[in-house]
C-alpha atoms as a PDB file:
ATOM      1  CA  MET A   1     -13.580 -15.777 -82.005  1.00  0.00           C
ATOM      2  CA  THR A   2     -15.440 -16.580 -78.808  1.00  0.00           C
ATOM      3  CA  VAL A   3     -15.665 -19.927 -77.083  1.00  0.00           C
ATOM      4  CA  SER A   4     -18.991 -20.858 -75.559  1.00  0.00           C
ATOM      5  CA  VAL A   5     -18.567 -23.029 -72.471  1.00  0.00           C
ATOM      6  CA  GLN A   6     -22.096 -24.330 -72.873  1.00  0.00           C
ATOM      7  CA  GLN A   7     -21.415 -25.358 -76.475  1.00  0.00           C
ATOM      8  CA  GLN A   8     -18.157 -27.085 -75.484  1.00  0.00           C
ATOM      9  CA  ALA A   9     -19.894 -28.944 -72.635  1.00  0.00           C
ATOM     10  CA  GLY A  10     -22.603 -30.078 -75.035  1.00  0.00           C
ATOM     11  CA  ALA A  11     -19.975 -31.308 -77.475  1.00  0.00           C
ATOM     12  CA  VAL A  12     -18.258 -33.284 -74.695  1.00  0.00           C
ATOM     13  CA  VAL A  13     -21.536 -34.984 -73.766  1.00  0.00           C
ATOM     14  CA  GLN A  14     -22.152 -35.738 -77.438  1.00  0.00           C
ATOM     15  CA  ALA A  15     -18.659 -37.236 -77.730  1.00  0.00           C
ATOM     16  CA  VAL A  16     -19.281 -39.582 -74.797  1.00  0.00           C
ATOM     17  CA  CYS A  17     -22.643 -40.597 -76.290  1.00  0.00           C
ATOM     18  CA  LEU A  18     -21.029 -41.240 -79.676  1.00  0.00           C
ATOM     19  CA  GLY A  19     -18.459 -43.470 -77.980  1.00  0.00           C
ATOM     20  CA  LEU A  20     -21.265 -45.415 -76.311  1.00  0.00           C
ATOM     21  CA  MET A  21     -23.156 -45.770 -79.594  1.00  0.00           C
ATOM     22  CA  ALA A  22     -20.035 -46.897 -81.454  1.00  0.00           C
ATOM     23  CA  GLY A  23     -19.591 -49.602 -78.822  1.00  0.00           C
ATOM     24  CA  ILE A  24     -23.186 -50.774 -79.251  1.00  0.00           C
ATOM     25  CA  VAL A  25     -22.832 -50.939 -83.032  1.00  0.00           C
ATOM     26  CA  TYR A  26     -19.555 -52.843 -82.677  1.00  0.00           C
ATOM     27  CA  ASP A  27     -21.152 -55.397 -80.336  1.00  0.00           C
ATOM     28  CA  LEU A  28     -24.125 -55.889 -82.668  1.00  0.00           C
ATOM     29  CA  MET A  29     -21.717 -56.568 -85.504  1.00  0.00           C
ATOM     30  CA  ARG A  30     -19.743 -58.894 -83.221  1.00  0.00           C
ATOM     31  CA  ILE A  31     -22.911 -60.903 -82.544  1.00  0.00           C
ATOM     32  CA  MET A  32     -23.525 -61.220 -86.291  1.00  0.00           C
ATOM     33  CA  ARG A  33     -19.898 -62.241 -86.868  1.00  0.00           C
ATOM     34  CA  VAL A  34     -20.088 -64.989 -84.230  1.00  0.00           C
ATOM     35  CA  ARG A  35     -23.508 -66.366 -85.095  1.00  0.00           C
ATOM     36  CA  LEU A  36     -23.308 -66.211 -88.907  1.00  0.00           C
ATOM     37  CA  LYS A  37     -20.530 -68.421 -90.170  1.00  0.00           C
ATOM     38  CA  LEU A  38     -19.930 -66.775 -93.536  1.00  0.00           C
ATOM     39  CA  PRO A  39     -16.548 -66.298 -95.211  1.00  0.00           C
ATOM     40  CA  LEU A  40     -15.261 -62.710 -95.168  1.00  0.00           C
ATOM     41  CA  LEU A  41     -18.190 -61.534 -93.019  1.00  0.00           C
ATOM     42  CA  GLY A  42     -15.842 -60.273 -90.320  1.00  0.00           C
ATOM     43  CA  THR A  43     -13.793 -58.306 -92.812  1.00  0.00           C
ATOM     44  CA  VAL A  44     -16.858 -56.741 -94.428  1.00  0.00           C
ATOM     45  CA  LEU A  45     -18.414 -55.842 -91.068  1.00  0.00           C
ATOM     46  CA  ASP A  46     -15.160 -54.310 -89.806  1.00  0.00           C
ATOM     47  CA  PHE A  47     -14.875 -52.237 -92.978  1.00  0.00           C
ATOM     48  CA  LEU A  48     -18.494 -51.065 -92.690  1.00  0.00           C
ATOM     49  CA  PHE A  49     -18.012 -50.242 -89.013  1.00  0.00           C
ATOM     50  CA  TRP A  50     -14.941 -48.087 -89.551  1.00  0.00           C
ATOM     51  CA  VAL A  51     -16.336 -46.330 -92.622  1.00  0.00           C
ATOM     52  CA  SER A  52     -19.592 -45.513 -90.829  1.00  0.00           C
ATOM     53  CA  VAL A  53     -17.856 -44.384 -87.627  1.00  0.00           C
ATOM     54  CA  THR A  54     -15.470 -42.194 -89.605  1.00  0.00           C
ATOM     55  CA  ALA A  55     -18.350 -40.614 -91.542  1.00  0.00           C
ATOM     56  CA  VAL A  56     -20.381 -39.995 -88.380  1.00  0.00           C
ATOM     57  CA  LEU A  57     -17.393 -38.455 -86.599  1.00  0.00           C
ATOM     58  CA  PHE A  58     -16.630 -36.220 -89.574  1.00  0.00           C
ATOM     59  CA  VAL A  59     -20.201 -34.936 -89.775  1.00  0.00           C
ATOM     60  CA  TRP A  60     -20.371 -34.524 -86.004  1.00  0.00           C
ATOM     61  CA  SER A  61     -17.101 -32.575 -85.851  1.00  0.00           C
ATOM     62  CA  GLN A  62     -18.423 -30.275 -88.579  1.00  0.00           C
ATOM     63  CA  GLN A  63     -21.482 -29.552 -86.457  1.00  0.00           C
ATOM     64  CA  ALA A  64     -19.859 -29.476 -83.014  1.00  0.00           C
ATOM     65  CA  TRP A  65     -16.650 -27.546 -83.705  1.00  0.00           C
ATOM     66  CA  LYS A  66     -17.079 -26.091 -87.179  1.00  0.00           C
ATOM     67  CA  GLY A  67     -14.738 -28.696 -88.667  1.00  0.00           C
ATOM     68  CA  GLU A  68     -11.910 -28.500 -86.164  1.00  0.00           C
ATOM     69  CA  ILE A  69     -10.783 -31.719 -84.541  1.00  0.00           C
ATOM     70  CA  ARG A  70     -10.359 -31.199 -80.818  1.00  0.00           C
ATOM     71  CA  LEU A  71      -8.129 -33.626 -78.950  1.00  0.00           C
ATOM     72  CA  TYR A  72     -10.337 -33.585 -75.873  1.00  0.00           C
ATOM     73  CA  GLY A  73     -13.294 -34.533 -78.081  1.00  0.00           C
ATOM     74  CA  VAL A  74     -11.464 -37.639 -79.215  1.00  0.00           C
ATOM     75  CA  ALA A  75     -10.516 -38.375 -75.588  1.00  0.00           C
ATOM     76  CA  PHE A  76     -14.140 -38.126 -74.432  1.00  0.00           C
ATOM     77  CA  LEU A  77     -15.277 -40.254 -77.360  1.00  0.00           C
ATOM     78  CA  PHE A  78     -12.745 -42.874 -76.237  1.00  0.00           C
ATOM     79  CA  LEU A  79     -14.041 -42.494 -72.663  1.00  0.00           C
ATOM     80  CA  GLY A  80     -17.565 -43.263 -73.878  1.00  0.00           C
ATOM     81  CA  GLY A  81     -16.291 -46.435 -75.533  1.00  0.00           C
ATOM     82  CA  VAL A  82     -14.420 -47.475 -72.390  1.00  0.00           C
ATOM     83  CA  LEU A  83     -17.519 -46.870 -70.255  1.00  0.00           C
ATOM     84  CA  TYR A  84     -19.589 -48.968 -72.629  1.00  0.00           C
ATOM     85  CA  PHE A  85     -17.175 -51.889 -72.876  1.00  0.00           C
ATOM     86  CA  THR A  86     -16.570 -52.033 -69.116  1.00  0.00           C
ATOM     87  CA  GLY A  87     -20.177 -51.597 -68.019  1.00  0.00           C
ATOM     88  CA  LEU A  88     -22.793 -52.372 -70.633  1.00  0.00           C
ATOM     89  CA  SER A  89     -21.107 -54.638 -73.169  1.00  0.00           C
ATOM     90  CA  PRO A  90     -21.466 -57.927 -71.234  1.00  0.00           C
ATOM     91  CA  TRP A  91     -25.196 -57.346 -70.832  1.00  0.00           C
ATOM     92  CA  ILE A  92     -25.734 -56.296 -74.434  1.00  0.00           C
ATOM     93  CA  LEU A  93     -23.818 -59.350 -75.649  1.00  0.00           C
ATOM     94  CA  LYS A  94     -25.893 -61.721 -73.471  1.00  0.00           C
ATOM     95  CA  ILE A  95     -29.142 -60.215 -74.708  1.00  0.00           C
ATOM     96  CA  GLY A  96     -27.879 -60.145 -78.296  1.00  0.00           C
ATOM     97  CA  TYR A  97     -26.751 -63.778 -78.271  1.00  0.00           C
ATOM     98  CA  LEU A  98     -30.072 -64.860 -76.755  1.00  0.00           C
ATOM     99  CA  GLY A  99     -31.916 -62.884 -79.430  1.00  0.00           C
ATOM    100  CA  ALA A 100     -29.775 -64.426 -82.167  1.00  0.00           C
ATOM    101  CA  ASP A 101     -30.444 -67.913 -80.794  1.00  0.00           C
ATOM    102  CA  PHE A 102     -34.169 -67.173 -80.691  1.00  0.00           C
ATOM    103  CA  LEU A 103     -34.124 -65.978 -84.303  1.00  0.00           C
ATOM    104  CA  THR A 104     -32.226 -69.126 -85.283  1.00  0.00           C
ATOM    105  CA  ILE A 105     -34.934 -71.296 -83.706  1.00  0.00           C
ATOM    106  CA  ILE A 106     -37.656 -69.326 -85.506  1.00  0.00           C
ATOM    107  CA  TRP A 107     -35.736 -69.651 -88.787  1.00  0.00           C
ATOM    108  CA  LYS A 108     -35.434 -73.420 -88.360  1.00  0.00           C
ATOM    109  CA  ILE A 109     -39.144 -73.732 -87.613  1.00  0.00           C
ATOM    110  CA  LEU A 110     -40.073 -71.673 -90.670  1.00  0.00           C
ATOM    111  CA  THR A 111     -37.730 -73.542 -93.015  1.00  0.00           C
ATOM    112  CA  TYR A 112     -38.553 -77.035 -91.710  1.00  0.00           C
ATOM    113  CA  PRO A 113     -41.380 -77.618 -94.246  1.00  0.00           C
ATOM    114  CA  ILE A 114     -39.041 -76.641 -97.093  1.00  0.00           C
ATOM    115  CA  LEU A 115     -36.440 -79.120 -95.879  1.00  0.00           C
ATOM    116  CA  CYS A 116     -39.123 -81.838 -95.658  1.00  0.00           C
ATOM    117  CA  LEU A 117     -40.231 -81.120 -99.239  1.00  0.00           C
ATOM    118  CA  LYS A 118     -36.639 -81.208-100.387  1.00  0.00           C
ATOM    119  CA  ASN A 119     -36.167 -84.693 -98.921  1.00  0.00           C
ATOM    120  CA  ILE A 120     -39.271 -86.076-100.669  1.00  0.00           C
END
């Protein structure tokens, strides 16, 4: 069994990228949780997040390391998440909240005629 340094380096870069992407998905779900006031939405979104992340990590580990879980892969995945939450998360949240507010305004404009008809 030979170990390719190039393959391991590629897997480390992929792990960091997966950590960054998991952070982005988590923040998008956080924006939905904050802006949509629905009962159990947080629970459902958390469940969907962890199921999807687990599935993606399982498939990725099958491809990257032939099914073996490498501790350094998990560490670099965590590093990607830390990099995202310390650097990019505040900006993504600002943009996401502004986008959600914009969509709310559009929704209110589009549903205004229906509300007027309802009051007649």
